[in-house]
Amino acid sequence: MLHDLLRLGVNGACLSLEHFRWAIDDIVEFVFAAHHNLRRSTVSDFLKLRGGYRRLQTPARVATFARSSVNLVALDVSCCRNGCMAFTTDDDAVTCVHCNARRFKNGSVPSMVVPYWPITPWLRMMLLDPELSVAMRDYMVIARQRAAEEDVASYSDWYDGASFRKMVKDGLIVSNADIVFGVALDGFDSWRQTGCKGWPVVVTVLSLPPEMRTKTVCMLPVMITPGPGELIDLDSFLRPLLVELHSLAAGVAGVSIYEGEEHGHTLRAFCVQVTTDMPAGQTVTRMTGHAGYTHPTASGHSTARFGRKRDDCR
């Protein structure tokens, strides 16, 4: 599924500057209609009023043009229609091992698929941007200098953590061009009255100053589990991400950086932290049993219990 990540191209706009100028009026119309949630009939009337300024005559053509102008790489992952698991560990599986739901509805058509948005094309897009590319390198210089210090008086950012310092010490991170990021997981109820549940998995580029890494372009939702029920096998949904993390740690060759910098760069990226709430953390780390202890009284009976079972945390 992720054999050759370079062939996926770069996320972002696919328009040349000349084509953008040719259709700029239609692009503005599409953004305006989407922003104000205009109906198709309203957009059609609006196009007629524009007269000779428009290039595309109908709302359908405007929408098709907008979709073809942006490249957002996504890989389809087959999963159980009840949201129990993804079929990423056994390509020959035909039923869910948890609820026996059929994987295919007819022939080889999956009953349900969820998109996985890979990290590599996203990072390639960021490296082509002069501001982001320079900022990532400059911040990595600070991070590596901080990690080289023997004693840290205060915790300033992720680079003061034990994980990053150990990665630098062990020789995993050796260049200012290396990228680090964090992964965040959390469960949510889409509609409480229906009980639909999902888990978003979000990757954040940490190799940027705090005021930049919180921008939308620096935070990528790589997958959202489909529901409608509580997932059972989270690892099966995370497998595409883990495969890609392994590829990025080994290095992806032939990546270009913005004009004026070197070409044929080898992209290397590492995950230094995973952020979750308590239930998600217990699921990811596969904790079982009590998350606390029982305090006995003087009489020997247990009267206070701190912590809850894993099932209770759900």
Protein backbone atom coordinates (compact mmCIF):
# COMPACT_ATOMS: atom_id res chain seq x y z
CA MET A 1 0.00 0.00 0.00
CA LEU A 2 2.92 2.36 0.72
CA HIS A 3 5.53 0.75 -1.51
CA ASP A 4 6.57 3.95 -3.30
CA LEU A 5 5.58 7.12 -1.49
CA LEU A 6 7.37 9.36 -3.98
CA ARG A 7 4.94 8.46 -6.77
CA LEU A 8 2.13 10.05 -4.75
CA GLY A 9 3.36 13.52 -5.66
CA VAL A 10 3.00 16.68 -3.63
CA ASN A 11 -0.19 17.83 -1.94
CA GLY A 12 -1.43 21.24 -2.94
CA ALA A 13 -2.55 23.20 -5.99
CA CYS A 14 -2.03 21.64 -9.42
CA LEU A 15 -2.59 24.83 -11.41
CA SER A 16 0.10 26.68 -13.30
CA LEU A 17 0.28 30.44 -12.79
CA GLU A 18 -1.06 31.01 -16.32
CA HIS A 19 -4.02 28.66 -15.78
CA PHE A 20 -4.78 30.31 -12.44
CA ARG A 21 -4.88 33.75 -14.05
CA TRP A 22 -7.13 32.43 -16.84
CA ALA A 23 -9.70 31.06 -14.37
CA ILE A 24 -9.26 33.44 -11.44
CA ASP A 25 -12.85 34.74 -11.68
CA ASP A 26 -14.25 31.19 -11.51
CA ILE A 27 -12.01 30.35 -8.56
CA VAL A 28 -13.28 33.40 -6.67
CA GLU A 29 -16.87 32.38 -7.48
CA PHE A 30 -16.29 28.87 -6.13
CA VAL A 31 -14.72 30.14 -2.88
CA PHE A 32 -17.54 32.66 -2.40
CA ALA A 33 -20.25 30.02 -2.98
CA ALA A 34 -18.61 27.50 -0.66
CA HIS A 35 -18.01 30.06 2.08
CA HIS A 36 -21.65 31.20 2.10
CA ASN A 37 -23.18 27.74 1.49
CA LEU A 38 -25.01 28.89 -1.64
CA ARG A 39 -27.42 26.50 -3.35
CA ARG A 40 -26.82 25.29 -6.90
CA SER A 41 -29.66 27.44 -8.28
CA THR A 42 -28.23 30.52 -6.59
CA VAL A 43 -24.77 29.83 -8.01
CA SER A 44 -26.31 29.35 -11.46
CA ASP A 45 -28.00 32.75 -11.28
CA PHE A 46 -24.78 34.30 -10.02
CA LEU A 47 -22.85 32.89 -13.00
CA LYS A 48 -25.37 34.40 -15.40
CA LEU A 49 -24.97 37.81 -13.78
CA ARG A 50 -21.20 37.62 -14.21
CA GLY A 51 -21.63 37.59 -17.97
CA GLY A 52 -18.41 37.71 -19.96
CA TYR A 53 -16.19 37.56 -16.86
CA ARG A 54 -16.80 33.86 -16.34
CA ARG A 55 -14.94 31.05 -18.15
CA LEU A 56 -17.11 28.16 -16.95
CA GLN A 57 -20.82 28.25 -17.67
CA THR A 58 -22.43 25.98 -15.04
CA PRO A 59 -22.00 25.22 -11.31
CA ALA A 60 -21.08 21.62 -12.17
CA ARG A 61 -18.19 22.74 -14.37
CA VAL A 62 -16.97 25.15 -11.71
CA ALA A 63 -17.02 22.39 -9.07
CA THR A 64 -15.22 19.93 -11.38
CA PHE A 65 -12.56 22.51 -12.17
CA ALA A 66 -11.99 23.25 -8.46
CA ARG A 67 -11.66 19.54 -7.59
CA SER A 68 -9.16 18.94 -10.41
CA SER A 69 -7.09 21.96 -9.37
CA VAL A 70 -6.09 20.56 -5.99
CA ASN A 71 -4.17 17.36 -5.35
CA LEU A 72 -4.89 15.77 -1.98
CA VAL A 73 -3.28 12.35 -1.81
CA ALA A 74 -5.37 9.72 -0.03
CA LEU A 75 -5.04 5.94 0.18
CA ASP A 76 -8.17 3.84 0.68
CA VAL A 77 -8.03 1.46 3.65
CA SER A 78 -10.57 -1.37 3.74
CA CYS A 79 -12.24 -1.76 7.12
CA CYS A 80 -15.13 -3.46 8.90
CA ARG A 81 -18.49 -1.81 8.20
CA ASN A 82 -19.11 -1.69 11.97
CA GLY A 83 -15.81 0.10 12.58
CA CYS A 84 -14.24 -2.72 14.60
CA MET A 85 -10.96 -3.01 12.67
CA ALA A 86 -9.13 -2.26 9.43
CA PHE A 87 -8.00 -5.07 7.14
CA THR A 88 -4.34 -4.06 7.09
CA THR A 89 -2.71 -7.14 8.61
CA ASP A 90 -4.32 -9.86 6.48
CA ASP A 91 -5.05 -9.10 2.82
CA ASP A 92 -6.87 -12.43 2.43
CA ALA A 93 -9.36 -11.83 5.27
CA VAL A 94 -13.00 -11.82 4.13
CA THR A 95 -14.76 -11.27 7.47
CA CYS A 96 -14.15 -9.22 10.60
CA VAL A 97 -12.68 -11.36 13.38
CA HIS A 98 -14.68 -9.42 15.99
CA CYS A 99 -18.22 -9.21 14.58
CA ASN A 100 -18.07 -11.53 11.52
CA ALA A 101 -19.20 -8.72 9.21
CA ARG A 102 -18.31 -9.37 5.58
CA ARG A 103 -15.41 -7.37 4.18
CA PHE A 104 -16.83 -7.17 0.63
CA LYS A 105 -20.40 -6.33 -0.33
CA ASN A 106 -20.18 -7.86 -3.81
CA GLY A 107 -17.22 -9.28 -5.64
CA SER A 108 -14.12 -7.35 -4.62
CA VAL A 109 -15.86 -4.10 -3.65
CA PRO A 110 -15.12 -3.31 0.04
CA SER A 111 -18.10 -2.74 2.30
CA MET A 112 -16.37 0.30 3.79
CA VAL A 113 -13.14 2.20 3.22
CA VAL A 114 -11.55 5.07 5.11
CA PRO A 115 -8.96 7.43 3.62
CA TYR A 116 -5.43 7.50 4.95
CA TRP A 117 -3.67 10.78 4.16
CA PRO A 118 0.07 9.98 4.04
CA ILE A 119 2.62 12.24 5.69
CA THR A 120 5.33 12.12 3.02
CA PRO A 121 3.57 14.20 0.30
CA TRP A 122 2.52 16.67 2.97
CA LEU A 123 6.13 17.10 4.19
CA ARG A 124 7.32 17.44 0.61
CA MET A 125 4.86 20.28 0.10
CA MET A 126 6.12 22.04 3.24
CA LEU A 127 9.76 21.66 2.15
CA LEU A 128 8.94 23.43 -1.11
CA ASP A 129 7.75 26.48 0.83
CA PRO A 130 10.65 28.89 1.55
CA GLU A 131 9.30 30.13 4.87
CA LEU A 132 8.42 26.73 6.34
CA SER A 133 11.58 25.02 5.07
CA VAL A 134 13.91 27.64 6.56
CA ALA A 135 11.97 27.79 9.82
CA MET A 136 12.18 24.01 10.28
CA ARG A 137 15.94 24.01 9.79
CA ASP A 138 16.51 27.00 12.08
CA TYR A 139 14.42 25.47 14.87
CA MET A 140 16.22 22.13 14.54
CA VAL A 141 19.53 23.97 15.06
CA ILE A 142 18.20 25.23 18.40
CA ALA A 143 16.82 21.79 19.30
CA ARG A 144 20.09 19.95 18.61
CA GLN A 145 22.12 22.54 20.52
CA ARG A 146 19.77 22.19 23.47
CA ALA A 147 19.94 18.39 23.35
CA ALA A 148 23.75 18.53 23.41
CA GLU A 149 23.73 20.28 26.78
CA GLU A 150 24.35 17.95 29.69
CA ASP A 151 22.09 19.65 32.20
CA VAL A 152 18.85 21.44 31.42
CA ALA A 153 17.72 23.85 34.13
CA SER A 154 14.16 24.18 32.87
CA TYR A 155 11.87 22.48 30.36
CA SER A 156 11.27 24.86 27.46
CA ASP A 157 9.93 22.68 24.65
CA TRP A 158 9.83 19.15 23.27
CA TYR A 159 13.59 19.16 22.64
CA ASP A 160 14.23 19.12 26.40
CA GLY A 161 12.42 15.80 26.71
CA ALA A 162 14.26 12.52 27.32
CA SER A 163 13.05 10.96 24.05
CA PHE A 164 14.57 13.58 21.76
CA ARG A 165 17.78 13.85 23.77
CA LYS A 166 18.24 10.08 23.56
CA MET A 167 17.60 10.08 19.79
CA VAL A 168 20.31 12.70 19.33
CA LYS A 169 22.69 10.83 21.63
CA ASP A 170 22.10 7.53 19.82
CA GLY A 171 22.80 9.13 16.43
CA LEU A 172 19.31 8.85 14.99
CA ILE A 173 18.99 12.59 14.44
CA VAL A 174 22.19 13.86 12.86
CA SER A 175 21.14 16.75 10.61
CA ASN A 176 19.36 20.07 10.89
CA ALA A 177 17.28 18.92 7.92
CA ASP A 178 15.73 16.08 9.94
CA ILE A 179 12.10 16.64 10.93
CA VAL A 180 10.33 15.64 14.12
CA PHE A 181 6.62 15.50 14.79
CA GLY A 182 4.09 14.34 17.33
CA VAL A 183 1.01 12.15 17.00
CA ALA A 184 -2.25 12.92 18.83
CA LEU A 185 -5.14 10.48 19.31
CA ASP A 186 -8.49 10.96 20.95
CA GLY A 187 -11.98 9.45 20.73
CA PHE A 188 -15.15 11.44 20.13
CA ASP A 189 -18.91 10.96 19.77
CA SER A 190 -20.12 12.43 16.47
CA TRP A 191 -23.79 12.34 17.39
CA ARG A 192 -24.53 11.31 20.94
CA GLN A 193 -28.12 10.39 20.16
CA THR A 194 -26.94 7.83 17.55
CA GLY A 195 -23.87 6.62 19.43
CA CYS A 196 -21.53 7.07 16.43
CA LYS A 197 -17.91 7.05 17.60
CA GLY A 198 -14.64 7.85 15.89
CA TRP A 199 -10.95 8.31 16.55
CA PRO A 200 -9.02 11.07 14.73
CA VAL A 201 -5.26 10.60 14.36
CA VAL A 202 -3.48 13.94 13.91
CA VAL A 203 0.21 14.50 13.12
CA THR A 204 1.81 17.85 14.05
CA VAL A 205 5.18 19.06 12.78
CA LEU A 206 7.14 20.00 15.91
CA SER A 207 10.22 21.27 14.05
CA LEU A 208 8.72 24.75 13.99
CA PRO A 209 8.32 27.59 16.48
CA PRO A 210 5.15 27.30 18.60
CA GLU A 211 3.43 30.18 16.78
CA MET A 212 3.85 28.33 13.46
CA ARG A 213 3.24 24.71 14.41
CA THR A 214 -0.29 25.48 15.59
CA LYS A 215 -1.34 26.60 12.11
CA THR A 216 -3.59 24.33 10.06
CA VAL A 217 -0.91 23.62 7.46
CA CYS A 218 1.32 22.14 10.18
CA MET A 219 -1.34 19.77 11.56
CA LEU A 220 -2.48 16.87 9.38
CA PRO A 221 -5.34 14.48 10.25
CA VAL A 222 -3.93 11.28 8.75
CA MET A 223 -7.00 9.15 9.51
CA ILE A 224 -10.40 9.21 11.21
CA THR A 225 -11.83 5.84 12.17
CA PRO A 226 -15.32 5.41 10.68
CA GLY A 227 -17.49 4.08 13.49
CA PRO A 228 -20.40 3.76 13.98
CA GLY A 229 -19.45 1.59 16.96
CA GLU A 230 -16.49 1.60 19.33
CA LEU A 231 -13.37 0.35 17.56
CA ILE A 232 -11.83 -2.82 18.93
CA ASP A 233 -8.50 -3.06 17.12
CA LEU A 234 -6.89 0.39 17.06
CA ASP A 235 -3.54 -1.07 15.96
CA SER A 236 -5.02 -2.21 12.65
CA PHE A 237 -6.01 1.40 11.83
CA LEU A 238 -2.59 2.71 12.87
CA ARG A 239 -0.64 0.23 10.75
CA PRO A 240 -0.42 2.47 7.61
CA LEU A 241 0.96 5.26 9.79
CA LEU A 242 3.52 2.95 11.41
CA VAL A 243 4.64 1.66 8.01
CA GLU A 244 5.15 5.20 6.79
CA LEU A 245 6.98 6.21 9.97
CA HIS A 246 9.39 3.34 9.36
CA SER A 247 9.98 4.57 5.78
CA LEU A 248 10.56 8.15 6.92
CA ALA A 249 12.99 7.06 9.63
CA ALA A 250 14.97 5.06 7.05
CA GLY A 251 14.97 8.05 4.69
CA VAL A 252 13.04 8.94 1.53
CA ALA A 253 15.48 9.95 -1.22
CA GLY A 254 14.91 12.36 -4.09
CA VAL A 255 12.90 15.00 -2.23
CA SER A 256 13.21 18.57 -3.53
CA ILE A 257 13.50 21.66 -1.38
CA TYR A 258 12.40 25.11 -2.49
CA GLU A 259 14.31 26.76 -5.32
CA GLY A 260 17.65 28.09 -4.16
CA GLU A 261 18.38 25.12 -1.91
CA GLU A 262 19.78 21.69 -2.68
CA HIS A 263 17.86 19.17 -4.76
CA GLY A 264 17.77 15.41 -4.33
CA HIS A 265 17.45 15.78 -0.57
CA THR A 266 16.89 12.68 1.60
CA LEU A 267 13.88 13.29 3.82
CA ARG A 268 14.16 11.80 7.31
CA ALA A 269 11.47 12.31 9.95
CA PHE A 270 10.89 10.90 13.42
CA CYS A 271 8.02 10.76 15.90
CA VAL A 272 9.13 11.98 19.33
CA GLN A 273 5.84 12.05 21.23
CA VAL A 274 2.33 10.63 21.30
CA THR A 275 -0.39 12.72 22.96
CA THR A 276 -3.66 11.19 24.19
CA ASP A 277 -6.25 11.48 26.91
CA MET A 278 -6.33 8.73 29.56
CA PRO A 279 -8.72 6.30 27.80
CA ALA A 280 -6.83 6.65 24.52
CA GLY A 281 -3.50 6.26 26.31
CA GLN A 282 -4.67 3.05 27.95
CA THR A 283 -5.78 1.71 24.57
CA VAL A 284 -2.54 2.61 22.79
CA THR A 285 -0.32 1.21 25.56
CA ARG A 286 -2.65 -1.78 26.13
CA MET A 287 -2.99 -1.16 29.85
CA THR A 288 -5.32 -3.48 31.73
CA GLY A 289 -6.55 -3.70 35.29
CA HIS A 290 -6.66 -0.86 37.82
CA ALA A 291 -4.96 2.46 37.16
CA GLY A 292 -4.44 3.04 40.87
CA TYR A 293 -4.36 1.24 44.20
CA THR A 294 -6.61 0.30 47.11
CA HIS A 295 -5.93 2.01 50.41
CA PRO A 296 -6.67 -0.18 53.45
CA THR A 297 -7.99 1.37 56.69
CA ALA A 298 -6.81 0.53 60.17
CA SER A 299 -9.46 -2.22 60.39
CA GLY A 300 -8.08 -3.90 57.32
CA HIS A 301 -11.07 -3.23 55.03
CA SER A 302 -10.72 -1.45 51.71
CA THR A 303 -12.72 1.76 51.79
CA ALA A 304 -11.05 4.02 49.17
CA ARG A 305 -10.21 3.01 45.64
CA PHE A 306 -8.20 5.36 43.46
CA GLY A 307 -8.37 4.88 39.72
CA ARG A 308 -10.77 2.98 37.51
CA LYS A 309 -10.69 -0.09 35.35
CA ARG A 310 -10.01 0.26 31.66
CA ASP A 311 -13.64 -0.59 30.81
CA ASP A 312 -14.86 2.08 33.24
CA CYS A 313 -12.71 4.73 31.53
CA ARG A 314 -14.57 4.19 28.30
